[in-house]
């Protein structure tokens, strides 16, 4: 009797163990696929200085280093509205590929960049035209509003 009960418990444990493992493997595969299809570029501090602005060399003036207009999405991984905005920005980055750059800055990981722009609420989107000062938009934006901002601020 004890042997049968022990064997049954072991079979149930093995079943749960294999289902958890396959779920973890499936999630890893999904995460890898999502990472491959991203059209936005995650910026670290050094990449920000190389691609956007080196604020160490030009602390008092805006000196954009990009070769095309850009959007910077200041976000956090735990932020619901940020998660809603991300696929829209990714889609627009693909649609406007070669015309604008779309960057992402994780405010939890890159606190120095977030501090430089006074980010207090996320998502915050920085629209950077080729000429003139950048414009900050605080809060999530829908696709239509983002397209208007791209056309009116970046590609005018």
N, C-alpha and C. Protein backbone atom coordinates (compact mmCIF):
# COMPACT_ATOMS: atom_id res chain seq x y z
N UNK A 1 0.82 -1.19 0.00
CA UNK A 1 0.00 0.00 0.00
C UNK A 1 0.86 1.25 0.00
N UNK A 2 1.87 1.27 0.86
CA UNK A 2 2.74 2.42 0.94
C UNK A 2 3.54 2.59 -0.36
N UNK A 3 3.94 1.46 -0.95
CA UNK A 3 4.70 1.53 -2.20
C UNK A 3 3.86 2.13 -3.33
N UNK A 4 2.59 1.74 -3.41
CA UNK A 4 1.70 2.26 -4.45
C UNK A 4 1.49 3.76 -4.25
N UNK A 5 1.29 4.18 -3.04
CA UNK A 5 1.10 5.60 -2.73
C UNK A 5 2.36 6.39 -3.07
N UNK A 6 3.51 5.84 -2.71
CA UNK A 6 4.78 6.50 -3.01
C UNK A 6 4.99 6.64 -4.52
N UNK A 7 4.71 5.59 -5.27
CA UNK A 7 4.87 5.61 -6.73
C UNK A 7 3.91 6.63 -7.35
N UNK A 8 2.70 6.67 -6.86
CA UNK A 8 1.71 7.62 -7.38
C UNK A 8 2.15 9.07 -7.12
N UNK A 9 2.65 9.35 -5.94
CA UNK A 9 3.13 10.69 -5.60
C UNK A 9 4.31 11.06 -6.50
N UNK A 10 5.22 10.13 -6.74
CA UNK A 10 6.38 10.38 -7.60
C UNK A 10 5.94 10.66 -9.04
N UNK A 11 4.93 9.95 -9.53
CA UNK A 11 4.44 10.16 -10.90
C UNK A 11 3.80 11.55 -11.03
N UNK A 12 3.04 11.95 -10.04
CA UNK A 12 2.41 13.27 -10.05
C UNK A 12 3.47 14.36 -10.00
N UNK A 13 4.47 14.18 -9.15
CA UNK A 13 5.56 15.16 -9.05
C UNK A 13 6.31 15.27 -10.38
N UNK A 14 6.57 14.16 -11.03
CA UNK A 14 7.26 14.16 -12.32
C UNK A 14 6.42 14.87 -13.37
N UNK A 15 5.12 14.66 -13.36
CA UNK A 15 4.22 15.32 -14.31
C UNK A 15 4.25 16.83 -14.13
N UNK A 16 4.14 17.31 -12.90
CA UNK A 16 4.18 18.75 -12.63
C UNK A 16 5.54 19.34 -12.99
N UNK A 17 6.58 18.62 -12.68
CA UNK A 17 7.93 19.10 -12.96
C UNK A 17 8.15 19.29 -14.46
N UNK A 18 7.71 18.32 -15.25
CA UNK A 18 7.92 18.42 -16.71
C UNK A 18 7.06 19.52 -17.31
N UNK A 19 5.85 19.73 -16.79
CA UNK A 19 5.00 20.79 -17.34
C UNK A 19 5.56 22.17 -17.00
N UNK A 20 6.13 22.33 -15.82
CA UNK A 20 6.76 23.61 -15.45
C UNK A 20 7.98 23.88 -16.31
N UNK A 21 8.77 22.84 -16.55
CA UNK A 21 9.97 23.00 -17.36
C UNK A 21 9.60 23.40 -18.78
N UNK A 22 8.60 22.76 -19.37
CA UNK A 22 8.23 23.11 -20.74
C UNK A 22 7.64 24.51 -20.80
N UNK A 23 6.95 24.95 -19.77
CA UNK A 23 6.41 26.32 -19.74
C UNK A 23 7.56 27.33 -19.69
N UNK A 24 8.59 27.04 -18.89
CA UNK A 24 9.76 27.93 -18.81
C UNK A 24 10.48 27.97 -20.16
N UNK A 25 10.64 26.81 -20.80
CA UNK A 25 11.30 26.77 -22.10
C UNK A 25 10.50 27.54 -23.14
N UNK A 26 9.19 27.40 -23.09
CA UNK A 26 8.32 28.11 -24.04
C UNK A 26 8.45 29.62 -23.83
N UNK A 27 8.49 30.09 -22.57
CA UNK A 27 8.63 31.52 -22.28
C UNK A 27 9.97 32.05 -22.77
N UNK A 28 11.05 31.25 -22.59
CA UNK A 28 12.36 31.66 -23.08
C UNK A 28 12.34 31.81 -24.60
N UNK A 29 11.68 30.90 -25.29
CA UNK A 29 11.58 30.97 -26.75
C UNK A 29 10.81 32.21 -27.17
N UNK A 30 9.71 32.52 -26.50
CA UNK A 30 8.92 33.71 -26.80
C UNK A 30 9.75 34.96 -26.57
N UNK A 31 10.48 35.03 -25.45
CA UNK A 31 11.32 36.20 -25.16
C UNK A 31 12.40 36.38 -26.22
N UNK A 32 13.01 35.29 -26.69
CA UNK A 32 14.02 35.39 -27.73
C UNK A 32 13.41 35.89 -29.04
N UNK A 33 12.22 35.40 -29.37
CA UNK A 33 11.54 35.85 -30.60
C UNK A 33 11.20 37.33 -30.51
N UNK A 34 10.72 37.78 -29.34
CA UNK A 34 10.39 39.19 -29.17
C UNK A 34 11.63 40.06 -29.30
N UNK A 35 12.74 39.61 -28.75
CA UNK A 35 13.98 40.38 -28.82
C UNK A 35 14.46 40.50 -30.26
N UNK A 36 14.28 39.45 -31.06
CA UNK A 36 14.72 39.48 -32.45
C UNK A 36 13.92 40.45 -33.29
N UNK A 37 12.63 40.61 -33.04
CA UNK A 37 11.80 41.41 -33.92
C UNK A 37 11.67 42.88 -33.49
N UNK A 38 12.40 43.28 -32.47
CA UNK A 38 12.32 44.66 -32.01
C UNK A 38 12.99 45.59 -33.01
N UNK A 39 12.34 46.67 -33.35
CA UNK A 39 12.87 47.66 -34.28
C UNK A 39 13.40 48.88 -33.55
N UNK A 40 13.21 48.90 -32.25
CA UNK A 40 13.71 50.01 -31.43
C UNK A 40 15.07 49.61 -30.88
N UNK A 41 15.85 50.59 -30.44
CA UNK A 41 17.19 50.35 -29.93
C UNK A 41 17.27 50.78 -28.48
N UNK A 42 17.66 49.86 -27.62
CA UNK A 42 17.86 50.15 -26.19
C UNK A 42 19.17 50.91 -26.03
N UNK A 43 19.15 52.02 -25.29
CA UNK A 43 20.34 52.82 -25.10
C UNK A 43 20.89 52.69 -23.69
N UNK A 44 22.19 52.48 -23.61
CA UNK A 44 22.91 52.59 -22.34
C UNK A 44 23.49 54.01 -22.30
N UNK A 45 24.12 54.37 -21.20
CA UNK A 45 24.70 55.69 -21.07
C UNK A 45 25.75 55.96 -22.15
N UNK A 46 26.64 55.00 -22.38
CA UNK A 46 27.69 55.21 -23.39
C UNK A 46 27.09 55.30 -24.79
N UNK A 47 26.07 54.47 -25.09
CA UNK A 47 25.42 54.55 -26.40
C UNK A 47 24.69 55.88 -26.57
N UNK A 48 24.08 56.36 -25.49
CA UNK A 48 23.40 57.66 -25.53
C UNK A 48 24.39 58.75 -25.91
N UNK A 49 25.55 58.72 -25.28
CA UNK A 49 26.57 59.74 -25.57
C UNK A 49 27.09 59.64 -27.00
N UNK A 50 27.14 58.45 -27.56
CA UNK A 50 27.62 58.27 -28.94
C UNK A 50 26.56 58.57 -29.99
N UNK A 51 25.31 58.22 -29.72
CA UNK A 51 24.27 58.31 -30.74
C UNK A 51 23.38 59.55 -30.62
N UNK A 52 23.24 60.08 -29.40
CA UNK A 52 22.29 61.17 -29.18
C UNK A 52 23.01 62.47 -28.81
N UNK A 53 23.64 62.47 -27.65
CA UNK A 53 24.29 63.69 -27.18
C UNK A 53 25.32 63.35 -26.11
N UNK A 54 26.49 63.94 -26.23
CA UNK A 54 27.52 63.76 -25.22
C UNK A 54 27.43 64.96 -24.26
N UNK A 55 26.69 64.79 -23.19
CA UNK A 55 26.47 65.91 -22.27
C UNK A 55 27.69 66.21 -21.41
N UNK A 56 28.70 65.34 -21.44
CA UNK A 56 29.95 65.67 -20.75
C UNK A 56 30.72 66.74 -21.53
N UNK A 57 30.71 66.63 -22.85
CA UNK A 57 31.42 67.59 -23.70
C UNK A 57 30.63 68.87 -23.91
N UNK A 58 29.29 68.77 -23.93
CA UNK A 58 28.43 69.94 -24.14
C UNK A 58 27.37 70.02 -23.05
N UNK A 59 27.77 70.37 -21.82
CA UNK A 59 26.81 70.35 -20.71
C UNK A 59 25.78 71.49 -20.75
N UNK A 60 26.09 72.56 -21.48
CA UNK A 60 25.21 73.73 -21.45
C UNK A 60 24.35 73.91 -22.69
N UNK A 61 24.55 73.08 -23.72
CA UNK A 61 23.75 73.26 -24.93
C UNK A 61 23.39 71.91 -25.55
N UNK A 62 22.28 71.91 -26.26
CA UNK A 62 21.82 70.70 -26.93
C UNK A 62 22.60 70.56 -28.23
N UNK A 63 23.28 69.44 -28.39
CA UNK A 63 24.08 69.18 -29.58
C UNK A 63 23.78 67.74 -30.02
N UNK A 64 22.75 67.58 -30.86
CA UNK A 64 22.29 66.27 -31.30
C UNK A 64 23.31 65.65 -32.26
N UNK A 65 23.67 64.39 -32.00
CA UNK A 65 24.69 63.71 -32.79
C UNK A 65 24.10 62.80 -33.87
N UNK A 66 22.78 62.64 -33.88
CA UNK A 66 22.16 61.71 -34.82
C UNK A 66 22.18 62.19 -36.25
N UNK A 67 21.98 61.25 -37.17
CA UNK A 67 21.93 61.59 -38.59
C UNK A 67 20.51 61.62 -39.13
N UNK A 68 19.54 61.36 -38.25
CA UNK A 68 18.12 61.49 -38.60
C UNK A 68 17.34 61.77 -37.32
N UNK A 69 16.13 62.33 -37.44
CA UNK A 69 15.34 62.63 -36.24
C UNK A 69 15.13 61.36 -35.40
N UNK A 70 14.82 61.58 -34.13
CA UNK A 70 14.71 60.43 -33.22
C UNK A 70 13.62 60.63 -32.18
N UNK A 71 13.17 59.51 -31.66
CA UNK A 71 12.28 59.47 -30.50
C UNK A 71 13.00 58.65 -29.44
N UNK A 72 12.97 59.15 -28.21
CA UNK A 72 13.48 58.36 -27.09
C UNK A 72 12.32 58.08 -26.15
N UNK A 73 12.08 56.81 -25.92
CA UNK A 73 11.03 56.35 -25.02
C UNK A 73 11.66 56.05 -23.67
N UNK A 74 11.37 56.89 -22.67
CA UNK A 74 11.81 56.65 -21.30
C UNK A 74 10.75 55.77 -20.65
N UNK A 75 11.14 54.58 -20.22
CA UNK A 75 10.18 53.60 -19.74
C UNK A 75 10.75 52.81 -18.57
N UNK A 76 9.90 51.95 -17.99
CA UNK A 76 10.33 50.97 -16.99
C UNK A 76 9.63 49.66 -17.31
N UNK A 77 10.28 48.56 -16.99
CA UNK A 77 9.73 47.24 -17.32
C UNK A 77 8.45 46.94 -16.56
N UNK A 78 8.24 47.56 -15.40
CA UNK A 78 7.08 47.31 -14.56
C UNK A 78 5.90 48.23 -14.90
N UNK A 79 6.07 49.17 -15.80
CA UNK A 79 5.07 50.21 -16.10
C UNK A 79 4.05 49.72 -17.13
N UNK A 80 2.79 49.65 -16.74
CA UNK A 80 1.72 49.20 -17.63
C UNK A 80 1.56 50.07 -18.88
N UNK A 81 1.43 51.40 -18.75
CA UNK A 81 1.31 52.24 -19.94
C UNK A 81 2.55 52.14 -20.84
N UNK A 82 3.71 51.91 -20.27
CA UNK A 82 4.93 51.73 -21.07
C UNK A 82 4.82 50.46 -21.92
N UNK A 83 4.28 49.41 -21.32
CA UNK A 83 4.10 48.15 -22.04
C UNK A 83 3.09 48.31 -23.18
N UNK A 84 2.11 49.18 -22.99
CA UNK A 84 1.11 49.42 -24.04
C UNK A 84 1.70 50.26 -25.18
N UNK A 85 2.61 51.16 -24.85
CA UNK A 85 3.22 52.03 -25.84
C UNK A 85 4.28 51.31 -26.66
N UNK A 86 4.98 50.37 -26.07
CA UNK A 86 6.11 49.69 -26.71
C UNK A 86 5.80 49.08 -28.08
N UNK A 87 4.72 48.29 -28.24
CA UNK A 87 4.48 47.70 -29.56
C UNK A 87 4.12 48.76 -30.62
N UNK A 88 3.50 49.84 -30.20
CA UNK A 88 3.18 50.92 -31.14
C UNK A 88 4.46 51.56 -31.64
N UNK A 89 5.37 51.86 -30.71
CA UNK A 89 6.66 52.45 -31.10
C UNK A 89 7.46 51.50 -31.97
N UNK A 90 7.42 50.23 -31.65
CA UNK A 90 8.14 49.24 -32.44
C UNK A 90 7.60 49.19 -33.87
N UNK A 91 6.29 49.23 -34.00
CA UNK A 91 5.65 49.23 -35.31
C UNK A 91 6.01 50.49 -36.11
N UNK A 92 5.98 51.65 -35.43
CA UNK A 92 6.33 52.90 -36.09
C UNK A 92 7.81 52.93 -36.47
N UNK A 93 8.66 52.34 -35.64
CA UNK A 93 10.09 52.27 -35.96
C UNK A 93 10.30 51.47 -37.24
N UNK A 94 9.53 50.41 -37.41
CA UNK A 94 9.62 49.62 -38.64
C UNK A 94 9.08 50.40 -39.83
N UNK A 95 7.93 51.06 -39.63
CA UNK A 95 7.29 51.82 -40.70
C UNK A 95 8.16 53.00 -41.17
N UNK A 96 8.82 53.67 -40.24
CA UNK A 96 9.63 54.84 -40.57
C UNK A 96 11.13 54.52 -40.60
N UNK A 97 11.46 53.26 -40.78
CA UNK A 97 12.86 52.83 -40.80
C UNK A 97 13.62 53.61 -41.88
N UNK A 98 14.78 54.14 -41.51
CA UNK A 98 15.58 54.93 -42.42
C UNK A 98 15.23 56.41 -42.40
N UNK A 99 14.09 56.75 -41.79
CA UNK A 99 13.66 58.15 -41.70
C UNK A 99 13.82 58.71 -40.29
N UNK A 100 13.57 57.86 -39.29
CA UNK A 100 13.75 58.25 -37.89
C UNK A 100 14.38 57.07 -37.13
N UNK A 101 14.98 57.39 -36.00
CA UNK A 101 15.46 56.37 -35.08
C UNK A 101 14.54 56.37 -33.86
N UNK A 102 14.25 55.19 -33.35
CA UNK A 102 13.45 55.08 -32.13
C UNK A 102 14.29 54.34 -31.09
N UNK A 103 14.56 55.06 -30.01
CA UNK A 103 15.39 54.55 -28.92
C UNK A 103 14.53 54.34 -27.68
N UNK A 104 15.04 53.47 -26.78
CA UNK A 104 14.39 53.23 -25.50
C UNK A 104 15.43 53.38 -24.40
N UNK A 105 15.03 54.02 -23.30
CA UNK A 105 15.90 54.15 -22.14
C UNK A 105 15.13 53.64 -20.93
N UNK A 106 15.63 52.58 -20.31
CA UNK A 106 15.05 52.03 -19.09
C UNK A 106 15.48 52.93 -17.93
N UNK A 107 14.53 53.66 -17.36
CA UNK A 107 14.86 54.65 -16.32
C UNK A 107 15.41 54.01 -15.04
N UNK A 108 15.10 52.75 -14.81
CA UNK A 108 15.64 52.06 -13.64
C UNK A 108 17.11 51.69 -13.85
N UNK A 109 17.46 51.38 -15.08
CA UNK A 109 18.83 50.97 -15.40
C UNK A 109 19.73 52.16 -15.73
N UNK A 110 19.16 53.20 -16.33
CA UNK A 110 19.94 54.36 -16.80
C UNK A 110 19.46 55.62 -16.08
N UNK A 111 19.66 55.64 -14.77
CA UNK A 111 19.17 56.74 -13.93
C UNK A 111 19.83 58.08 -14.26
N UNK A 112 21.07 58.05 -14.71
CA UNK A 112 21.76 59.30 -15.03
C UNK A 112 21.09 60.00 -16.22
N UNK A 113 20.72 59.24 -17.23
CA UNK A 113 20.04 59.83 -18.39
C UNK A 113 18.67 60.35 -17.98
N UNK A 114 17.93 59.55 -17.24
CA UNK A 114 16.60 59.96 -16.78
C UNK A 114 16.68 61.22 -15.94
N UNK A 115 17.67 61.31 -15.09
CA UNK A 115 17.86 62.48 -14.24
C UNK A 115 18.19 63.72 -15.08
N UNK A 116 19.00 63.55 -16.09
CA UNK A 116 19.39 64.66 -16.95
C UNK A 116 18.18 65.32 -17.60
N UNK A 117 17.17 64.50 -17.93
CA UNK A 117 15.96 65.02 -18.57
C UNK A 117 14.84 65.27 -17.57
N UNK A 118 15.11 65.08 -16.29
CA UNK A 118 14.11 65.34 -15.27
C UNK A 118 12.90 64.42 -15.37
N UNK A 119 13.11 63.17 -15.74
CA UNK A 119 12.00 62.23 -15.89
C UNK A 119 11.42 61.90 -14.52
N UNK A 120 10.16 62.23 -14.34
CA UNK A 120 9.46 61.96 -13.08
C UNK A 120 8.23 61.08 -13.29
N UNK A 121 7.82 60.99 -14.55
CA UNK A 121 6.64 60.20 -14.89
C UNK A 121 6.95 59.43 -16.17
N UNK A 122 6.51 58.18 -16.21
CA UNK A 122 6.74 57.38 -17.39
C UNK A 122 5.43 56.77 -17.88
N UNK A 123 5.31 56.53 -19.17
CA UNK A 123 6.30 56.80 -20.18
C UNK A 123 6.44 58.30 -20.45
N UNK A 124 7.64 58.68 -20.82
CA UNK A 124 7.92 60.02 -21.32
C UNK A 124 8.62 59.84 -22.65
N UNK A 125 8.19 60.60 -23.64
CA UNK A 125 8.74 60.48 -24.98
C UNK A 125 9.42 61.78 -25.37
N UNK A 126 10.67 61.67 -25.80
CA UNK A 126 11.43 62.83 -26.24
C UNK A 126 11.51 62.79 -27.75
N UNK A 127 10.95 63.82 -28.40
CA UNK A 127 10.98 63.93 -29.86
C UNK A 127 12.14 64.85 -30.23
N UNK A 128 13.08 64.34 -31.01
CA UNK A 128 14.29 65.08 -31.34
C UNK A 128 14.32 65.36 -32.84
N UNK A 129 14.03 66.60 -33.24
CA UNK A 129 14.15 66.95 -34.67
C UNK A 129 15.62 67.15 -35.03
N UNK A 130 15.93 67.21 -36.30
CA UNK A 130 17.31 67.42 -36.72
C UNK A 130 17.79 68.82 -36.34
N UNK A 131 16.90 69.78 -36.39
CA UNK A 131 17.27 71.15 -36.01
C UNK A 131 16.32 71.63 -34.92
N UNK A 132 16.85 72.41 -34.01
CA UNK A 132 16.02 72.94 -32.93
C UNK A 132 16.08 72.07 -31.70
N UNK A 133 15.33 72.49 -30.71
CA UNK A 133 15.32 71.82 -29.41
C UNK A 133 14.37 70.62 -29.42
N UNK A 134 14.70 69.59 -28.65
CA UNK A 134 13.79 68.44 -28.52
C UNK A 134 12.54 68.83 -27.74
N UNK A 135 11.48 68.04 -27.92
CA UNK A 135 10.21 68.28 -27.22
C UNK A 135 9.83 67.03 -26.44
N UNK A 136 9.48 67.23 -25.17
CA UNK A 136 9.12 66.12 -24.29
C UNK A 136 7.60 65.98 -24.21
N UNK A 137 7.11 64.76 -24.30
CA UNK A 137 5.70 64.44 -24.12
C UNK A 137 5.62 63.44 -22.98
N UNK A 138 4.89 63.80 -21.93
CA UNK A 138 4.75 62.92 -20.77
C UNK A 138 3.43 62.17 -20.88
N UNK A 139 3.49 60.86 -20.67
CA UNK A 139 2.29 60.03 -20.71
C UNK A 139 2.23 59.20 -21.98
N UNK A 140 1.42 58.17 -21.93
CA UNK A 140 1.27 57.27 -23.07
C UNK A 140 0.56 57.99 -24.21
N UNK A 141 0.93 57.63 -25.42
CA UNK A 141 0.30 58.19 -26.61
C UNK A 141 -0.18 57.04 -27.49
N UNK A 142 -1.31 57.26 -28.13
CA UNK A 142 -1.81 56.27 -29.08
C UNK A 142 -1.10 56.39 -30.41
N UNK A 143 -1.35 55.48 -31.29
CA UNK A 143 -0.68 55.44 -32.59
C UNK A 143 -0.96 56.70 -33.41
N UNK A 144 -2.20 57.14 -33.44
CA UNK A 144 -2.56 58.32 -34.25
C UNK A 144 -1.81 59.55 -33.76
N UNK A 145 -1.77 59.75 -32.43
CA UNK A 145 -1.05 60.90 -31.87
C UNK A 145 0.45 60.80 -32.12
N UNK A 146 1.00 59.61 -32.03
CA UNK A 146 2.42 59.43 -32.30
C UNK A 146 2.74 59.73 -33.77
N UNK A 147 1.88 59.27 -34.67
CA UNK A 147 2.10 59.55 -36.09
C UNK A 147 2.04 61.05 -36.37
N UNK A 148 1.10 61.75 -35.73
CA UNK A 148 1.02 63.21 -35.88
C UNK A 148 2.29 63.87 -35.38
N UNK A 149 2.76 63.44 -34.23
CA UNK A 149 3.99 64.02 -33.66
C UNK A 149 5.18 63.77 -34.56
N UNK A 150 5.26 62.59 -35.14
CA UNK A 150 6.36 62.27 -36.05
C UNK A 150 6.30 63.20 -37.26
N UNK A 151 5.13 63.32 -37.85
CA UNK A 151 4.99 64.15 -39.07
C UNK A 151 5.16 65.64 -38.78
N UNK A 152 4.61 66.12 -37.65
CA UNK A 152 4.64 67.56 -37.36
C UNK A 152 5.91 68.04 -36.67
N UNK A 153 6.58 67.15 -35.93
CA UNK A 153 7.76 67.56 -35.18
C UNK A 153 9.05 67.06 -35.82
N UNK A 154 9.04 65.83 -36.29
CA UNK A 154 10.28 65.23 -36.75
C UNK A 154 10.49 65.31 -38.26
N UNK A 155 9.43 65.15 -39.03
CA UNK A 155 9.58 65.08 -40.48
C UNK A 155 8.98 66.29 -41.21
N UNK A 156 8.89 67.41 -40.55
CA UNK A 156 8.29 68.59 -41.18
C UNK A 156 9.25 69.27 -42.14
